Amino acid sequence: MYKQRVGSEGERFAQEFLEKMGYQIIKKNYRYRHKEIDIIAKDKNTIVFVEVKTIKSKKFGESIEKVNLKKRKRIAEVAQAYLAENDLSGFDFRFDVVGVDLKDEKKLVHLPNAFTIDWLSV
């Protein structure tokens, strides 16, 4: 329960940041086959799939370091399903990562176009 609460707090903080940057939030916590994308947004004409990683301690490394290859592949699989399900095959899309550190005062790191998946074609 604690981990879920921390994650939700980080996602709220990330959403507020993205909205201030002009992103339009389309969907939160989109699920496909027991996998999830935290935030789906639109930045101008680009669909943005956002993974939010929240930490309260740097004991286990920086939050953005937690988005490893396995996690990126899972995100891409869910993104591909979302694009197909919503007939968005003609849209540009990208993957962003937002790292949130809730220790002491809140800090946020936003990495637009944080990774690409060569095999993903929609």
PDB file of N, CA and C in Angstrom:
ATOM      1  N   MET A   1       0.822  -1.196   0.000  1.00  0.00           N
ATOM      2  CA  MET A   1       0.000   0.000   0.000  1.00  0.00           C
ATOM      3  C   MET A   1       0.867   1.261   0.000  1.00  0.00           C
ATOM      4  N   TYR A   2       1.949   1.251   0.772  1.00  0.00           N
ATOM      5  CA  TYR A   2       2.848   2.403   0.857  1.00  0.00           C
ATOM      6  C   TYR A   2       3.444   2.716  -0.511  1.00  0.00           C
ATOM      7  N   LYS A   3       3.925   1.681  -1.203  1.00  0.00           N
ATOM      8  CA  LYS A   3       4.539   1.854  -2.519  1.00  0.00           C
ATOM      9  C   LYS A   3       3.535   2.444  -3.512  1.00  0.00           C
ATOM     10  N   GLN A   4       2.292   1.973  -3.463  1.00  0.00           N
ATOM     11  CA  GLN A   4       1.246   2.473  -4.353  1.00  0.00           C
ATOM     12  C   GLN A   4       0.949   3.943  -4.056  1.00  0.00           C
ATOM     13  N   ARG A   5       0.922   4.309  -2.776  1.00  0.00           N
ATOM     14  CA  ARG A   5       0.653   5.696  -2.385  1.00  0.00           C
ATOM     15  C   ARG A   5       1.765   6.621  -2.866  1.00  0.00           C
ATOM     16  N   VAL A   6       3.007   6.177  -2.720  1.00  0.00           N
ATOM     17  CA  VAL A   6       4.154   6.966  -3.184  1.00  0.00           C
ATOM     18  C   VAL A   6       4.083   7.133  -4.699  1.00  0.00           C
ATOM     19  N   GLY A   7       3.778   6.046  -5.411  1.00  0.00           N
ATOM     20  CA  GLY A   7       3.661   6.105  -6.866  1.00  0.00           C
ATOM     21  C   GLY A   7       2.573   7.058  -7.319  1.00  0.00           C
ATOM     22  N   SER A   8       1.428   7.011  -6.658  1.00  0.00           N
ATOM     23  CA  SER A   8       0.313   7.899  -7.002  1.00  0.00           C
ATOM     24  C   SER A   8       0.678   9.359  -6.770  1.00  0.00           C
ATOM     25  N   GLU A   9       1.375   9.623  -5.682  1.00  0.00           N
ATOM     26  CA  GLU A   9       1.802  10.997  -5.386  1.00  0.00           C
ATOM     27  C   GLU A   9       2.768  11.494  -6.463  1.00  0.00           C
ATOM     28  N   GLY A  10       3.690  10.653  -6.874  1.00  0.00           N
ATOM     29  CA  GLY A  10       4.624  11.015  -7.935  1.00  0.00           C
ATOM     30  C   GLY A  10       3.926  11.259  -9.256  1.00  0.00           C
ATOM     31  N   GLU A  11       2.942  10.433  -9.580  1.00  0.00           N
ATOM     32  CA  GLU A  11       2.192  10.604 -10.825  1.00  0.00           C
ATOM     33  C   GLU A  11       1.406  11.907 -10.826  1.00  0.00           C
ATOM     34  N   ARG A  12       0.821  12.268  -9.690  1.00  0.00           N
ATOM     35  CA  ARG A  12       0.105  13.554  -9.595  1.00  0.00           C
ATOM     36  C   ARG A  12       1.061  14.721  -9.821  1.00  0.00           C
ATOM     37  N   PHE A  13       2.221  14.649  -9.200  1.00  0.00           N
ATOM     38  CA  PHE A  13       3.232  15.698  -9.348  1.00  0.00           C
ATOM     39  C   PHE A  13       3.681  15.797 -10.810  1.00  0.00           C
ATOM     40  N   ALA A  14       3.906  14.652 -11.448  1.00  0.00           N
ATOM     41  CA  ALA A  14       4.317  14.623 -12.854  1.00  0.00           C
ATOM     42  C   ALA A  14       3.218  15.185 -13.752  1.00  0.00           C
ATOM     43  N   GLN A  15       1.971  14.819 -13.480  1.00  0.00           N
ATOM     44  CA  GLN A  15       0.858  15.323 -14.286  1.00  0.00           C
ATOM     45  C   GLN A  15       0.764  16.843 -14.203  1.00  0.00           C
ATOM     46  N   GLU A  16       0.865  17.382 -13.000  1.00  0.00           N
ATOM     47  CA  GLU A  16       0.819  18.839 -12.832  1.00  0.00           C
ATOM     48  C   GLU A  16       1.934  19.506 -13.628  1.00  0.00           C
ATOM     49  N   PHE A  17       3.128  18.940 -13.579  1.00  0.00           N
ATOM     50  CA  PHE A  17       4.268  19.475 -14.323  1.00  0.00           C
ATOM     51  C   PHE A  17       3.986  19.452 -15.825  1.00  0.00           C
ATOM     52  N   LEU A  18       3.532  18.316 -16.330  1.00  0.00           N
ATOM     53  CA  LEU A  18       3.276  18.184 -17.768  1.00  0.00           C
ATOM     54  C   LEU A  18       2.201  19.162 -18.233  1.00  0.00           C
ATOM     55  N   GLU A  19       1.160  19.324 -17.438  1.00  0.00           N
ATOM     56  CA  GLU A  19       0.099  20.274 -17.794  1.00  0.00           C
ATOM     57  C   GLU A  19       0.637  21.700 -17.830  1.00  0.00           C
ATOM     58  N   LYS A  20       1.499  22.060 -16.893  1.00  0.00           N
ATOM     59  CA  LYS A  20       2.114  23.391 -16.903  1.00  0.00           C
ATOM     60  C   LYS A  20       2.983  23.595 -18.138  1.00  0.00           C
ATOM     61  N   MET A  21       3.542  22.492 -18.656  1.00  0.00           N
ATOM     62  CA  MET A  21       4.375  22.554 -19.861  1.00  0.00           C
ATOM     63  C   MET A  21       3.529  22.557 -21.138  1.00  0.00           C
ATOM     64  N   GLY A  22       2.211  22.507 -20.994  1.00  0.00           N
ATOM     65  CA  GLY A  22       1.320  22.573 -22.145  1.00  0.00           C
ATOM     66  C   GLY A  22       0.848  21.235 -22.689  1.00  0.00           C
ATOM     67  N   TYR A  23       1.192  20.151 -22.020  1.00  0.00           N
ATOM     68  CA  TYR A  23       0.734  18.832 -22.459  1.00  0.00           C
ATOM     69  C   TYR A  23      -0.754  18.681 -22.118  1.00  0.00           C
ATOM     70  N   GLN A  24      -1.475  18.000 -22.987  1.00  0.00           N
ATOM     71  CA  GLN A  24      -2.867  17.655 -22.716  1.00  0.00           C
ATOM     72  C   GLN A  24      -2.890  16.199 -22.249  1.00  0.00           C
ATOM     73  N   ILE A  25      -3.375  15.970 -21.048  1.00  0.00           N
ATOM     74  CA  ILE A  25      -3.441  14.608 -20.517  1.00  0.00           C
ATOM     75  C   ILE A  25      -4.636  13.903 -21.159  1.00  0.00           C
ATOM     76  N   ILE A  26      -4.367  12.777 -21.808  1.00  0.00           N
ATOM     77  CA  ILE A  26      -5.413  12.006 -22.480  1.00  0.00           C
ATOM     78  C   ILE A  26      -5.926  10.892 -21.572  1.00  0.00           C
ATOM     79  N   LYS A  27      -5.019  10.194 -20.934  1.00  0.00           N
ATOM     80  CA  LYS A  27      -5.404   9.037 -20.124  1.00  0.00           C
ATOM     81  C   LYS A  27      -4.339   8.793 -19.057  1.00  0.00           C
ATOM     82  N   LYS A  28      -4.794   8.296 -17.915  1.00  0.00           N
ATOM     83  CA  LYS A  28      -3.872   7.912 -16.846  1.00  0.00           C
ATOM     84  C   LYS A  28      -4.058   6.433 -16.555  1.00  0.00           C
ATOM     85  N   ASN A  29      -2.961   5.771 -16.247  1.00  0.00           N
ATOM     86  CA  ASN A  29      -2.976   4.365 -15.852  1.00  0.00           C
ATOM     87  C   ASN A  29      -3.703   3.472 -16.865  1.00  0.00           C
ATOM     88  N   TYR A  30      -3.307   3.612 -18.129  1.00  0.00           N
ATOM     89  CA  TYR A  30      -3.884   2.783 -19.201  1.00  0.00           C
ATOM     90  C   TYR A  30      -3.320   1.375 -19.098  1.00  0.00           C
ATOM     91  N   ARG A  31      -4.206   0.387 -19.066  1.00  0.00           N
ATOM     92  CA  ARG A  31      -3.791  -1.005 -18.892  1.00  0.00           C
ATOM     93  C   ARG A  31      -4.065  -1.827 -20.144  1.00  0.00           C
ATOM     94  N   TYR A  32      -3.127  -2.745 -20.394  1.00  0.00           N
ATOM     95  CA  TYR A  32      -3.253  -3.719 -21.478  1.00  0.00           C
ATOM     96  C   TYR A  32      -2.540  -4.986 -21.032  1.00  0.00           C
ATOM     97  N   ARG A  33      -3.278  -6.076 -20.955  1.00  0.00           N
ATOM     98  CA  ARG A  33      -2.713  -7.371 -20.559  1.00  0.00           C
ATOM     99  C   ARG A  33      -1.851  -7.288 -19.287  1.00  0.00           C
ATOM    100  N   HIS A  34      -2.394  -6.738 -18.256  1.00  0.00           N
ATOM    101  CA  HIS A  34      -1.725  -6.630 -16.946  1.00  0.00           C
ATOM    102  C   HIS A  34      -0.481  -5.741 -16.977  1.00  0.00           C
ATOM    103  N   LYS A  35      -0.353  -4.925 -18.004  1.00  0.00           N
ATOM    104  CA  LYS A  35       0.755  -3.966 -18.093  1.00  0.00           C
ATOM    105  C   LYS A  35       0.137  -2.577 -18.138  1.00  0.00           C
ATOM    106  N   GLU A  36       0.935  -1.579 -17.810  1.00  0.00           N
ATOM    107  CA  GLU A  36       0.365  -0.243 -17.666  1.00  0.00           C
ATOM    108  C   GLU A  36       1.321   0.841 -18.149  1.00  0.00           C
ATOM    109  N   ILE A  37       0.715   1.902 -18.678  1.00  0.00           N
ATOM    110  CA  ILE A  37       1.437   3.148 -18.941  1.00  0.00           C
ATOM    111  C   ILE A  37       0.860   4.168 -17.972  1.00  0.00           C
ATOM    112  N   ASP A  38       1.730   4.893 -17.286  1.00  0.00           N
ATOM    113  CA  ASP A  38       1.274   5.819 -16.248  1.00  0.00           C
ATOM    114  C   ASP A  38       0.449   6.972 -16.810  1.00  0.00           C
ATOM    115  N   ILE A  39       0.981   7.639 -17.837  1.00  0.00           N
ATOM    116  CA  ILE A  39       0.296   8.802 -18.405  1.00  0.00           C
ATOM    117  C   ILE A  39       0.421   8.756 -19.926  1.00  0.00           C
ATOM    118  N   ILE A  40      -0.701   9.003 -20.596  1.00  0.00           N
ATOM    119  CA  ILE A  40      -0.683   9.210 -22.044  1.00  0.00           C
ATOM    120  C   ILE A  40      -1.112  10.650 -22.251  1.00  0.00           C
ATOM    121  N   ALA A  41      -0.302  11.396 -22.976  1.00  0.00           N
ATOM    122  CA  ALA A  41      -0.559  12.820 -23.155  1.00  0.00           C
ATOM    123  C   ALA A  41      -0.356  13.198 -24.618  1.00  0.00           C
ATOM    124  N   LYS A  42      -0.716  14.429 -24.909  1.00  0.00           N
ATOM    125  CA  LYS A  42      -0.497  14.966 -26.248  1.00  0.00           C
ATOM    126  C   LYS A  42       0.338  16.235 -26.101  1.00  0.00           C
ATOM    127  N   ASP A  43       1.435  16.295 -26.831  1.00  0.00           N
ATOM    128  CA  ASP A  43       2.306  17.468 -26.867  1.00  0.00           C
ATOM    129  C   ASP A  43       2.273  17.976 -28.299  1.00  0.00           C
ATOM    130  N   LYS A  44       1.501  19.013 -28.513  1.00  0.00           N
ATOM    131  CA  LYS A  44       1.216  19.509 -29.862  1.00  0.00           C
ATOM    132  C   LYS A  44       0.568  18.375 -30.655  1.00  0.00           C
ATOM    133  N   ASN A  45       1.213  17.873 -31.702  1.00  0.00           N
ATOM    134  CA  ASN A  45       0.628  16.798 -32.511  1.00  0.00           C
ATOM    135  C   ASN A  45       1.263  15.443 -32.238  1.00  0.00           C
ATOM    136  N   THR A  46       1.931  15.306 -31.120  1.00  0.00           N
ATOM    137  CA  THR A  46       2.628  14.064 -30.786  1.00  0.00           C
ATOM    138  C   THR A  46       1.972  13.394 -29.580  1.00  0.00           C
ATOM    139  N   ILE A  47       1.698  12.097 -29.723  1.00  0.00           N
ATOM    140  CA  ILE A  47       1.210  11.306 -28.594  1.00  0.00           C
ATOM    141  C   ILE A  47       2.431  10.941 -27.748  1.00  0.00           C
ATOM    142  N   VAL A  48       2.348  11.187 -26.451  1.00  0.00           N
ATOM    143  CA  VAL A  48       3.479  10.951 -25.555  1.00  0.00           C
ATOM    144  C   VAL A  48       3.080   9.919 -24.499  1.00  0.00           C
ATOM    145  N   PHE A  49       3.857   8.850 -24.444  1.00  0.00           N
ATOM    146  CA  PHE A  49       3.666   7.813 -23.436  1.00  0.00           C
ATOM    147  C   PHE A  49       4.682   8.084 -22.332  1.00  0.00           C
ATOM    148  N   VAL A  50       4.181   8.341 -21.135  1.00  0.00           N
ATOM    149  CA  VAL A  50       5.036   8.795 -20.039  1.00  0.00           C
ATOM    150  C   VAL A  50       5.111   7.735 -18.939  1.00  0.00           C
ATOM    151  N   GLU A  51       6.325   7.341 -18.632  1.00  0.00           N
ATOM    152  CA  GLU A  51       6.579   6.460 -17.489  1.00  0.00           C
ATOM    153  C   GLU A  51       7.059   7.335 -16.339  1.00  0.00           C
ATOM    154  N   VAL A  52       6.390   7.232 -15.204  1.00  0.00           N
ATOM    155  CA  VAL A  52       6.755   8.009 -14.021  1.00  0.00           C
ATOM    156  C   VAL A  52       7.391   7.062 -13.010  1.00  0.00           C
ATOM    157  N   LYS A  53       8.583   7.416 -12.558  1.00  0.00           N
ATOM    158  CA  LYS A  53       9.269   6.638 -11.528  1.00  0.00           C
ATOM    159  C   LYS A  53       9.461   7.537 -10.319  1.00  0.00           C
ATOM    160  N   THR A  54       8.955   7.087  -9.192  1.00  0.00           N
ATOM    161  CA  THR A  54       8.985   7.884  -7.972  1.00  0.00           C
ATOM    162  C   THR A  54       9.810   7.179  -6.906  1.00  0.00           C
ATOM    163  N   ILE A  55      10.647   7.951  -6.231  1.00  0.00           N
ATOM    164  CA  ILE A  55      11.430   7.414  -5.121  1.00  0.00           C
ATOM    165  C   ILE A  55      11.326   8.358  -3.923  1.00  0.00           C
ATOM    166  N   LYS A  56      11.577   7.826  -2.755  1.00  0.00           N
ATOM    167  CA  LYS A  56      11.667   8.645  -1.541  1.00  0.00           C
ATOM    168  C   LYS A  56      13.064   8.569  -0.954  1.00  0.00           C
ATOM    169  N   SER A  57      13.938   7.809  -1.613  1.00  0.00           N
ATOM    170  CA  SER A  57      15.304   7.647  -1.134  1.00  0.00           C
ATOM    171  C   SER A  57      16.193   7.284  -2.308  1.00  0.00           C
ATOM    172  N   LYS A  58      17.391   7.824  -2.326  1.00  0.00           N
ATOM    173  CA  LYS A  58      18.322   7.480  -3.400  1.00  0.00           C
ATOM    174  C   LYS A  58      19.100   6.207  -3.076  1.00  0.00           C
ATOM    175  N   LYS A  59      18.702   5.559  -2.012  1.00  0.00           N
ATOM    176  CA  LYS A  59      19.375   4.343  -1.569  1.00  0.00           C
ATOM    177  C   LYS A  59      19.462   3.301  -2.686  1.00  0.00           C
ATOM    178  N   PHE A  60      18.437   3.214  -3.521  1.00  0.00           N
ATOM    179  CA  PHE A  60      18.403   2.217  -4.588  1.00  0.00           C
ATOM    180  C   PHE A  60      18.638   2.837  -5.962  1.00  0.00           C
ATOM    181  N   GLY A  61      19.264   3.990  -6.032  1.00  0.00           N
ATOM    182  CA  GLY A  61      19.577   4.605  -7.316  1.00  0.00           C
ATOM    183  C   GLY A  61      18.564   5.672  -7.692  1.00  0.00           C
ATOM    184  N   GLU A  62      18.911   6.420  -8.689  1.00  0.00           N
ATOM    185  CA  GLU A  62      18.033   7.478  -9.182  1.00  0.00           C
ATOM    186  C   GLU A  62      16.768   6.872  -9.781  1.00  0.00           C
ATOM    187  N   SER A  63      15.686   7.611  -9.712  1.00  0.00           N
ATOM    188  CA  SER A  63      14.398   7.104 -10.193  1.00  0.00           C
ATOM    189  C   SER A  63      14.425   6.768 -11.680  1.00  0.00           C
ATOM    190  N   ILE A  64      15.049   7.603 -12.494  1.00  0.00           N
ATOM    191  CA  ILE A  64      15.023   7.362 -13.941  1.00  0.00           C
ATOM    192  C   ILE A  64      15.857   6.161 -14.347  1.00  0.00           C
ATOM    193  N   GLU A  65      16.788   5.754 -13.495  1.00  0.00           N
ATOM    194  CA  GLU A  65      17.595   4.567 -13.787  1.00  0.00           C
ATOM    195  C   GLU A  65      16.772   3.292 -13.682  1.00  0.00           C
ATOM    196  N   LYS A  66      15.607   3.379 -13.099  1.00  0.00           N
ATOM    197  CA  LYS A  66      14.774   2.202 -12.887  1.00  0.00           C
ATOM    198  C   LYS A  66      13.992   1.791 -14.138  1.00  0.00           C
ATOM    199  N   VAL A  67      14.071   2.568 -15.209  1.00  0.00           N
ATOM    200  CA  VAL A  67      13.382   2.227 -16.457  1.00  0.00           C
ATOM    201  C   VAL A  67      14.369   1.459 -17.333  1.00  0.00           C
ATOM    202  N   ASN A  68      14.473   0.167 -17.058  1.00  0.00           N
ATOM    203  CA  ASN A  68      15.431  -0.687 -17.762  1.00  0.00           C
ATOM    204  C   ASN A  68      14.847  -1.199 -19.085  1.00  0.00           C
ATOM    205  N   LEU A  69      15.611  -2.005 -19.802  1.00  0.00           N
ATOM    206  CA  LEU A  69      15.188  -2.505 -21.112  1.00  0.00           C
ATOM    207  C   LEU A  69      13.884  -3.298 -21.015  1.00  0.00           C
ATOM    208  N   LYS A  70      13.763  -4.143 -20.024  1.00  0.00           N
ATOM    209  CA  LYS A  70      12.541  -4.933 -19.852  1.00  0.00           C
ATOM    210  C   LYS A  70      11.328  -4.023 -19.679  1.00  0.00           C
ATOM    211  N   LYS A  71      11.470  -2.987 -18.858  1.00  0.00           N
ATOM    212  CA  LYS A  71      10.374  -2.045 -18.620  1.00  0.00           C
ATOM    213  C   LYS A  71      10.050  -1.276 -19.898  1.00  0.00           C
ATOM    214  N   ARG A  72      11.069  -0.869 -20.644  1.00  0.00           N
ATOM    215  CA  ARG A  72      10.835  -0.139 -21.898  1.00  0.00           C
ATOM    216  C   ARG A  72      10.060  -0.996 -22.895  1.00  0.00           C
ATOM    217  N   LYS A  73      10.387  -2.265 -22.979  1.00  0.00           N
ATOM    218  CA  LYS A  73       9.667  -3.162 -23.893  1.00  0.00           C
ATOM    219  C   LYS A  73       8.205  -3.309 -23.478  1.00  0.00           C
ATOM    220  N   ARG A  74       7.958  -3.389 -22.182  1.00  0.00           N
ATOM    221  CA  ARG A  74       6.573  -3.489 -21.691  1.00  0.00           C
ATOM    222  C   ARG A  74       5.795  -2.220 -22.020  1.00  0.00           C
ATOM    223  N   ILE A  75       6.419  -1.079 -21.833  1.00  0.00           N
ATOM    224  CA  ILE A  75       5.775   0.199 -22.142  1.00  0.00           C
ATOM    225  C   ILE A  75       5.459   0.269 -23.634  1.00  0.00           C
ATOM    226  N   ALA A  76       6.407  -0.135 -24.472  1.00  0.00           N
ATOM    227  CA  ALA A  76       6.209  -0.102 -25.922  1.00  0.00           C
ATOM    228  C   ALA A  76       5.073  -1.026 -26.353  1.00  0.00           C
ATOM    229  N   GLU A  77       4.971  -2.186 -25.721  1.00  0.00           N
ATOM    230  CA  GLU A  77       3.887  -3.121 -26.052  1.00  0.00           C
ATOM    231  C   GLU A  77       2.524  -2.501 -25.745  1.00  0.00           C
ATOM    232  N   VAL A  78       2.423  -1.858 -24.598  1.00  0.00           N
ATOM    233  CA  VAL A  78       1.167  -1.214 -24.216  1.00  0.00           C
ATOM    234  C   VAL A  78       0.885  -0.025 -25.137  1.00  0.00           C
ATOM    235  N   ALA A  79       1.910   0.726 -25.489  1.00  0.00           N
ATOM    236  CA  ALA A  79       1.745   1.864 -26.399  1.00  0.00           C
ATOM    237  C   ALA A  79       1.226   1.400 -27.754  1.00  0.00           C
ATOM    238  N   GLN A  80       1.792   0.324 -28.259  1.00  0.00           N
ATOM    239  CA  GLN A  80       1.368  -0.214 -29.549  1.00  0.00           C
ATOM    240  C   GLN A  80      -0.114  -0.608 -29.495  1.00  0.00           C
ATOM    241  N   ALA A  81      -0.529  -1.225 -28.406  1.00  0.00           N
ATOM    242  CA  ALA A  81      -1.935  -1.602 -28.240  1.00  0.00           C
ATOM    243  C   ALA A  81      -2.823  -0.358 -28.198  1.00  0.00           C
ATOM    244  N   TYR A  82      -2.397   0.669 -27.469  1.00  0.00           N
ATOM    245  CA  TYR A  82      -3.184   1.900 -27.367  1.00  0.00           C
ATOM    246  C   TYR A  82      -3.338   2.562 -28.733  1.00  0.00           C
ATOM    247  N   LEU A  83      -2.247   2.669 -29.478  1.00  0.00           N
ATOM    248  CA  LEU A  83      -2.299   3.294 -30.799  1.00  0.00           C
ATOM    249  C   LEU A  83      -3.229   2.526 -31.737  1.00  0.00           C
ATOM    250  N   ALA A  84      -3.150   1.210 -31.721  1.00  0.00           N
ATOM    251  CA  ALA A  84      -4.004   0.386 -32.584  1.00  0.00           C
ATOM    252  C   ALA A  84      -5.470   0.478 -32.155  1.00  0.00           C
ATOM    253  N   GLU A  85      -5.709   0.395 -30.860  1.00  0.00           N
ATOM    254  CA  GLU A  85      -7.073   0.429 -30.323  1.00  0.00           C
ATOM    255  C   GLU A  85      -7.778   1.746 -30.634  1.00  0.00           C
ATOM    256  N   ASN A  86      -7.017   2.822 -30.690  1.00  0.00           N
ATOM    257  CA  ASN A  86      -7.595   4.152 -30.902  1.00  0.00           C
ATOM    258  C   ASN A  86      -7.377   4.678 -32.310  1.00  0.00           C
ATOM    259  N   ASP A  87      -6.965   3.813 -33.225  1.00  0.00           N
ATOM    260  CA  ASP A  87      -6.759   4.155 -34.629  1.00  0.00           C
ATOM    261  C   ASP A  87      -5.893   5.415 -34.783  1.00  0.00           C
ATOM    262  N   LEU A  88      -4.755   5.411 -34.109  1.00  0.00           N
ATOM    263  CA  LEU A  88      -3.842   6.556 -34.125  1.00  0.00           C
ATOM    264  C   LEU A  88      -2.559   6.241 -34.890  1.00  0.00           C
ATOM    265  N   SER A  89      -2.647   5.334 -35.840  1.00  0.00           N
ATOM    266  CA  SER A  89      -1.440   4.876 -36.535  1.00  0.00           C
ATOM    267  C   SER A  89      -0.728   5.985 -37.300  1.00  0.00           C
ATOM    268  N   GLY A  90      -1.408   7.043 -37.673  1.00  0.00           N
ATOM    269  CA  GLY A  90      -0.771   8.122 -38.420  1.00  0.00           C
ATOM    270  C   GLY A  90      -0.084   9.164 -37.549  1.00  0.00           C
ATOM    271  N   PHE A  91      -0.260   9.071 -36.259  1.00  0.00           N
ATOM    272  CA  PHE A  91       0.292  10.078 -35.355  1.00  0.00           C
ATOM    273  C   PHE A  91       1.752   9.792 -35.013  1.00  0.00           C
ATOM    274  N   ASP A  92       2.502  10.865 -34.821  1.00  0.00           N
ATOM    275  CA  ASP A  92       3.843  10.718 -34.257  1.00  0.00           C
ATOM    276  C   ASP A  92       3.682  10.387 -32.776  1.00  0.00           C
ATOM    277  N   PHE A  93       4.623   9.643 -32.240  1.00  0.00           N
ATOM    278  CA  PHE A  93       4.575   9.324 -30.822  1.00  0.00           C
ATOM    279  C   PHE A  93       5.997   9.239 -30.286  1.00  0.00           C
ATOM    280  N   ARG A  94       6.096   9.338 -28.963  1.00  0.00           N
ATOM    281  CA  ARG A  94       7.405   9.202 -28.319  1.00  0.00           C
ATOM    282  C   ARG A  94       7.213   8.707 -26.895  1.00  0.00           C
ATOM    283  N   PHE A  95       8.351   8.358 -26.289  1.00  0.00           N
ATOM    284  CA  PHE A  95       8.352   7.858 -24.919  1.00  0.00           C
ATOM    285  C   PHE A  95       9.150   8.819 -24.043  1.00  0.00           C
ATOM    286  N   ASP A  96       8.498   9.366 -23.029  1.00  0.00           N
ATOM    287  CA  ASP A  96       9.155  10.234 -22.060  1.00  0.00           C
ATOM    288  C   ASP A  96       9.256   9.495 -20.726  1.00  0.00           C
ATOM    289  N   VAL A  97      10.224   9.892 -19.936  1.00  0.00           N
ATOM    290  CA  VAL A  97      10.337   9.392 -18.569  1.00  0.00           C
ATOM    291  C   VAL A  97      10.373  10.600 -17.638  1.00  0.00           C
ATOM    292  N   VAL A  98       9.598  10.519 -16.576  1.00  0.00           N
ATOM    293  CA  VAL A  98       9.617  11.546 -15.542  1.00  0.00           C
ATOM    294  C   VAL A  98      10.056  10.871 -14.249  1.00  0.00           C
ATOM    295  N   GLY A  99      11.145  11.360 -13.696  1.00  0.00           N
ATOM    296  CA  GLY A  99      11.635  10.869 -12.413  1.00  0.00           C
ATOM    297  C   GLY A  99      11.254  11.850 -11.326  1.00  0.00           C
ATOM    298  N   VAL A 100      10.642  11.351 -10.272  1.00  0.00           N
ATOM    299  CA  VAL A 100      10.204  12.197  -9.164  1.00  0.00           C
ATOM    300  C   VAL A 100      10.894  11.715  -7.893  1.00  0.00           C
ATOM    301  N   ASP A 101      11.511  12.650  -7.191  1.00  0.00           N
ATOM    302  CA  ASP A 101      12.152  12.363  -5.905  1.00  0.00           C
ATOM    303  C   ASP A 101      11.353  13.089  -4.830  1.00  0.00           C
ATOM    304  N   LEU A 102      10.697  12.350  -3.969  1.00  0.00           N
ATOM    305  CA  LEU A 102       9.858  12.942  -2.925  1.00  0.00           C
ATOM    306  C   LEU A 102      10.600  13.151  -1.614  1.00  0.00           C
ATOM    307  N   LYS A 103      11.888  12.818  -1.583  1.00  0.00           N
ATOM    308  CA  LYS A 103      12.663  12.983  -0.354  1.00  0.00           C
ATOM    309  C   LYS A 103      12.865  14.478  -0.091  1.00  0.00           C
ATOM    310  N   ASP A 104      12.662  14.894   1.135  1.00  0.00           N
ATOM    311  CA  ASP A 104      12.777  16.295   1.555  1.00  0.00           C
ATOM    312  C   ASP A 104      11.836  17.160   0.720  1.00  0.00           C
ATOM    313  N   GLU A 105      12.379  17.932  -0.226  1.00  0.00           N
ATOM    314  CA  GLU A 105      11.486  18.708  -1.086  1.00  0.00           C
ATOM    315  C   GLU A 105      11.384  18.005  -2.438  1.00  0.00           C
ATOM    316  N   LYS A 106      10.226  18.126  -3.050  1.00  0.00           N
ATOM    317  CA  LYS A 106       9.986  17.408  -4.305  1.00  0.00           C
ATOM    318  C   LYS A 106      10.903  17.915  -5.414  1.00  0.00           C
ATOM    319  N   LYS A 107      11.487  16.953  -6.150  1.00  0.00           N
ATOM    320  CA  LYS A 107      12.293  17.279  -7.325  1.00  0.00           C
ATOM    321  C   LYS A 107      11.812  16.423  -8.474  1.00  0.00           C
ATOM    322  N   LEU A 108      11.900  16.966  -9.675  1.00  0.00           N
ATOM    323  CA  LEU A 108      11.417  16.258 -10.846  1.00  0.00           C
ATOM    324  C   LEU A 108      12.427  16.387 -11.976  1.00  0.00           C
ATOM    325  N   VAL A 109      12.644  15.295 -12.692  1.00  0.00           N
ATOM    326  CA  VAL A 109      13.484  15.293 -13.889  1.00  0.00           C
ATOM    327  C   VAL A 109      12.629  14.759 -15.028  1.00  0.00           C
ATOM    328  N   HIS A 110      12.552  15.529 -16.117  1.00  0.00           N
ATOM    329  CA  HIS A 110      11.754  15.122 -17.277  1.00  0.00           C
ATOM    330  C   HIS A 110      12.698  14.846 -18.440  1.00  0.00           C
ATOM    331  N   LEU A 111      12.605  13.639 -18.987  1.00  0.00           N
ATOM    332  CA  LEU A 111      13.416  13.268 -20.146  1.00  0.00           C
ATOM    333  C   LEU A 111      12.503  13.035 -21.344  1.00  0.00           C
ATOM    334  N   PRO A 112      12.296  14.068 -22.173  1.00  0.00           N
ATOM    335  CA  PRO A 112      11.502  13.866 -23.383  1.00  0.00           C
ATOM    336  C   PRO A 112      12.248  12.933 -24.337  1.00  0.00           C
ATOM    337  N   ASN A 113      11.497  12.105 -25.028  1.00  0.00           N
ATOM    338  CA  ASN A 113      12.087  11.170 -25.994  1.00  0.00           C
ATOM    339  C   ASN A 113      13.207  10.359 -25.336  1.00  0.00           C
ATOM    340  N   ALA A 114      12.909   9.839 -24.162  1.00  0.00           N
ATOM    341  CA  ALA A 114      13.904   9.158 -23.326  1.00  0.00           C
ATOM    342  C   ALA A 114      14.440   7.879 -23.949  1.00  0.00           C
ATOM    343  N   PHE A 115      13.620   7.222 -24.747  1.00  0.00           N
ATOM    344  CA  PHE A 115      14.074   6.002 -25.412  1.00  0.00           C
ATOM    345  C   PHE A 115      13.247   5.754 -26.660  1.00  0.00           C
ATOM    346  N   THR A 116      13.785   4.935 -27.536  1.00  0.00           N
ATOM    347  CA  THR A 116      13.070   4.519 -28.740  1.00  0.00           C
ATOM    348  C   THR A 116      13.059   2.997 -28.778  1.00  0.00           C
ATOM    349  N   ILE A 117      12.110   2.476 -29.486  1.00  0.00           N
ATOM    350  CA  ILE A 117      12.011   1.031 -29.685  1.00  0.00           C
ATOM    351  C   ILE A 117      12.006   0.801 -31.191  1.00  0.00           C
ATOM    352  N   ASP A 118      13.085   0.254 -31.713  1.00  0.00           N
ATOM    353  CA  ASP A 118      13.229   0.076 -33.159  1.00  0.00           C
ATOM    354  C   ASP A 118      12.171  -0.835 -33.758  1.00  0.00           C
ATOM    355  N   TRP A 119      11.769  -1.854 -33.031  1.00  0.00           N
ATOM    356  CA  TRP A 119      10.832  -2.821 -33.593  1.00  0.00           C
ATOM    357  C   TRP A 119       9.392  -2.352 -33.570  1.00  0.00           C
ATOM    358  N   LEU A 120       9.118  -1.230 -32.899  1.00  0.00           N
ATOM    359  CA  LEU A 120       7.739  -0.763 -32.791  1.00  0.00           C
ATOM    360  C   LEU A 120       7.346  -0.009 -34.046  1.00  0.00           C
ATOM    361  N   SER A 121       6.375  -0.530 -34.749  1.00  0.00           N
ATOM    362  CA  SER A 121       5.856   0.175 -35.921  1.00  0.00           C
ATOM    363  C   SER A 121       4.344   0.068 -35.903  1.00  0.00           C
ATOM    364  N   VAL A 122       3.719   1.203 -36.016  1.00  0.00           N
ATOM    365  CA  VAL A 122       2.257   1.226 -35.986  1.00  0.00           C
ATOM    366  C   VAL A 122       1.769   1.953 -37.205  1.00  0.00           C
TER     367      VAL A 122
END
